[in-house]
């Protein structure tokens, strides 16, 4: 039986999200040109929390939408209809938000979806957990925590909104 190791509890997650929000504010001078796109499921929850923190910090609301990337995945065997949010990304800094960055395939799919939306000035990546093992040359601009893992280990992120409990665990 595998052992589950809790790496982050609720208070550490909240502090990390607050730090990530501050990093976005510091690295992007004009927040009126920033939009966040959350990748379901927990990237949406994380993105909403980042936006809420930025609003508390700066008194500014950042546009935020869910970005369903399933139709853009290279591992989909069936055809999925593309459903894109209605959001202006032209000449904007688009920040893709996901809970765990692993192979990079989900972020690659998200970049393809963003390009279908328009022509952003730049695309940045925010992740709560970077666990390594890239299959594509993708890195995150904002990282909550680097967790070196083996390929057979799993990382689980849970948020109160989605799971009624909050932690990051490795097993």
Protein backbone atom coordinates (compact mmCIF):
# COMPACT_ATOMS: atom_id res chain seq x y z
CA UNK A 1 0.00 0.00 0.00
CA UNK A 2 1.37 3.40 -0.95
CA UNK A 3 1.91 6.08 1.63
CA UNK A 4 0.37 9.50 1.12
CA UNK A 5 2.54 12.43 2.14
CA UNK A 6 0.81 15.80 2.61
CA UNK A 7 3.12 18.47 1.18
CA UNK A 8 0.93 21.54 1.64
CA UNK A 9 -1.99 22.15 3.97
CA UNK A 10 -4.70 24.79 3.59
CA UNK A 11 -2.75 27.60 5.26
CA UNK A 12 0.35 26.96 3.11
CA UNK A 13 -1.79 26.84 -0.04
CA UNK A 14 -3.47 30.16 0.86
CA UNK A 15 -0.10 31.81 1.55
CA UNK A 16 1.32 30.45 -1.72
CA UNK A 17 -1.63 31.74 -3.75
CA UNK A 18 -1.24 35.16 -2.14
CA UNK A 19 2.47 35.16 -3.09
CA UNK A 20 1.65 34.17 -6.68
CA UNK A 21 -0.84 37.04 -6.92
CA UNK A 22 1.83 39.47 -5.72
CA UNK A 23 4.26 38.10 -8.30
CA UNK A 24 1.75 38.76 -11.09
CA UNK A 25 1.26 42.32 -9.85
CA UNK A 26 5.03 42.90 -9.69
CA UNK A 27 5.87 41.38 -13.08
CA UNK A 28 3.02 42.98 -15.03
CA UNK A 29 3.03 46.74 -14.60
CA UNK A 30 -0.25 47.45 -16.37
CA UNK A 31 -2.82 44.99 -15.06
CA UNK A 32 -5.41 46.31 -17.52
CA UNK A 33 -3.62 44.25 -20.19
CA UNK A 34 -3.68 40.99 -18.20
CA UNK A 35 -6.25 38.18 -18.53
CA UNK A 36 -6.28 34.85 -16.71
CA UNK A 37 -7.54 31.60 -18.20
CA UNK A 38 -8.07 28.67 -15.84
CA UNK A 39 -7.76 25.10 -17.07
CA UNK A 40 -10.46 22.82 -15.60
CA UNK A 41 -10.93 21.62 -13.00
CA UNK A 42 -8.60 22.90 -10.33
CA UNK A 43 -6.90 25.46 -12.57
CA UNK A 44 -10.25 27.25 -12.62
CA UNK A 45 -10.45 27.25 -8.82
CA UNK A 46 -6.83 28.39 -8.55
CA UNK A 47 -7.38 31.13 -11.16
CA UNK A 48 -10.42 32.48 -9.33
CA UNK A 49 -8.43 32.68 -6.12
CA UNK A 50 -5.55 34.46 -7.87
CA UNK A 51 -7.98 37.00 -9.34
CA UNK A 52 -9.62 37.52 -5.92
CA UNK A 53 -6.21 38.10 -4.32
CA UNK A 54 -5.17 40.60 -7.02
CA UNK A 55 -8.44 42.46 -6.48
CA UNK A 56 -7.72 42.68 -2.73
CA UNK A 57 -4.12 43.76 -3.36
CA UNK A 58 -4.68 46.29 -6.14
CA UNK A 59 -8.40 47.04 -6.12
CA UNK A 60 -8.44 45.96 -9.80
CA UNK A 61 -10.49 43.20 -11.37
CA UNK A 62 -8.63 41.02 -13.87
CA UNK A 63 -10.72 39.32 -16.60
CA UNK A 64 -10.95 35.59 -15.91
CA UNK A 65 -12.49 32.72 -17.87
CA UNK A 66 -12.40 28.95 -17.95
CA UNK A 67 -10.42 27.46 -20.88
CA UNK A 68 -11.49 23.95 -21.82
CA UNK A 69 -8.54 22.43 -23.70
CA UNK A 70 -9.86 18.89 -24.25
CA UNK A 71 -10.45 19.46 -27.98
CA UNK A 72 -6.83 20.59 -28.36
CA UNK A 73 -5.20 17.62 -26.61
CA UNK A 74 -3.02 15.37 -28.74
CA UNK A 75 -4.06 12.31 -26.73
CA UNK A 76 -7.80 12.56 -27.45
CA UNK A 77 -9.09 9.57 -29.40
CA UNK A 78 -12.53 11.04 -29.99
CA UNK A 79 -13.53 14.34 -31.51
CA UNK A 80 -14.56 16.96 -28.98
CA UNK A 81 -16.24 20.19 -30.01
CA UNK A 82 -14.11 23.28 -29.41
CA UNK A 83 -15.77 25.53 -26.84
CA UNK A 84 -13.81 28.75 -26.39
CA UNK A 85 -14.57 31.53 -23.91
CA UNK A 86 -15.62 34.94 -25.14
CA UNK A 87 -12.65 37.01 -24.05
CA UNK A 88 -10.37 39.44 -25.84
CA UNK A 89 -6.79 38.17 -25.81
CA UNK A 90 -5.46 40.42 -28.59
CA UNK A 91 -2.38 42.36 -27.42
CA UNK A 92 -2.94 41.06 -23.87
CA UNK A 93 -0.76 39.16 -21.45
CA UNK A 94 -2.59 35.85 -21.12
CA UNK A 95 -1.80 33.87 -17.98
CA UNK A 96 -2.70 30.19 -18.23
CA UNK A 97 -3.49 28.73 -14.81
CA UNK A 98 -3.28 25.03 -13.94
CA UNK A 99 -2.88 23.20 -10.65
CA UNK A 100 -0.06 20.82 -11.65
CA UNK A 101 2.50 21.20 -14.43
CA UNK A 102 3.77 17.78 -15.48
CA UNK A 103 4.51 16.80 -19.11
CA UNK A 104 3.53 20.17 -20.58
CA UNK A 105 0.93 18.65 -22.90
CA UNK A 106 -2.01 20.42 -21.25
CA UNK A 107 -0.27 23.81 -21.48
CA UNK A 108 0.63 23.14 -25.12
CA UNK A 109 -3.05 22.42 -25.81
CA UNK A 110 -4.01 25.60 -23.93
CA UNK A 111 -1.61 27.67 -26.04
CA UNK A 112 -3.23 26.29 -29.20
CA UNK A 113 -6.65 27.31 -27.84
CA UNK A 114 -5.41 30.82 -26.99
CA UNK A 115 -4.07 31.26 -30.53
CA UNK A 116 -7.55 30.34 -31.83
CA UNK A 117 -8.92 33.17 -29.64
CA UNK A 118 -6.60 35.83 -31.07
CA UNK A 119 -3.06 37.17 -30.97
CA UNK A 120 -1.86 37.79 -27.43
CA UNK A 121 1.15 39.99 -26.70
CA UNK A 122 2.53 37.16 -24.55
CA UNK A 123 1.48 33.97 -22.84
CA UNK A 124 2.58 33.18 -19.30
CA UNK A 125 2.00 30.06 -17.21
CA UNK A 126 1.07 29.85 -13.53
CA UNK A 127 1.01 26.56 -11.66
CA UNK A 128 0.58 25.67 -8.02
CA UNK A 129 2.82 22.59 -8.37
CA UNK A 130 5.64 21.97 -10.86
CA UNK A 131 6.55 18.29 -10.70
CA UNK A 132 8.93 18.08 -13.66
CA UNK A 133 9.06 15.41 -16.40
CA UNK A 134 8.39 17.64 -19.41
CA UNK A 135 7.71 16.14 -22.80
CA UNK A 136 7.51 19.62 -24.35
CA UNK A 137 9.84 22.59 -23.79
CA UNK A 138 7.41 24.41 -21.51
CA UNK A 139 8.14 26.14 -18.22
CA UNK A 140 6.07 28.14 -15.77
CA UNK A 141 6.52 31.86 -15.11
CA UNK A 142 4.86 31.57 -11.70
CA UNK A 143 5.37 28.45 -9.57
CA UNK A 144 3.85 27.83 -6.17
CA UNK A 145 6.12 24.92 -5.31
CA UNK A 146 8.60 22.70 -7.17
CA UNK A 147 8.13 19.08 -6.18
CA UNK A 148 10.61 16.67 -7.73
CA UNK A 149 8.81 13.39 -8.38
CA UNK A 150 9.41 10.04 -9.98
CA UNK A 151 7.24 9.05 -12.93
CA UNK A 152 5.36 6.49 -10.83
CA UNK A 153 4.44 9.00 -8.11
CA UNK A 154 1.22 11.01 -8.22
CA UNK A 155 0.48 14.55 -7.07
CA UNK A 156 -3.01 15.36 -5.84
CA UNK A 157 -4.27 18.92 -5.37
CA UNK A 158 -7.54 19.36 -3.54
CA UNK A 159 -9.43 22.60 -2.94
CA UNK A 160 -12.33 23.21 -0.57
CA UNK A 161 -14.52 24.40 -3.46
CA UNK A 162 -14.04 21.17 -5.43
CA UNK A 163 -13.23 18.53 -2.84
CA UNK A 164 -14.48 19.78 0.59
CA UNK A 165 -10.88 19.44 1.82
CA UNK A 166 -7.72 21.33 0.98
CA UNK A 167 -4.21 19.97 0.56
CA UNK A 168 -1.47 18.92 -1.84
CA UNK A 169 -0.30 15.33 -1.43
CA UNK A 170 2.23 12.99 -2.99
CA UNK A 171 1.89 9.23 -3.15
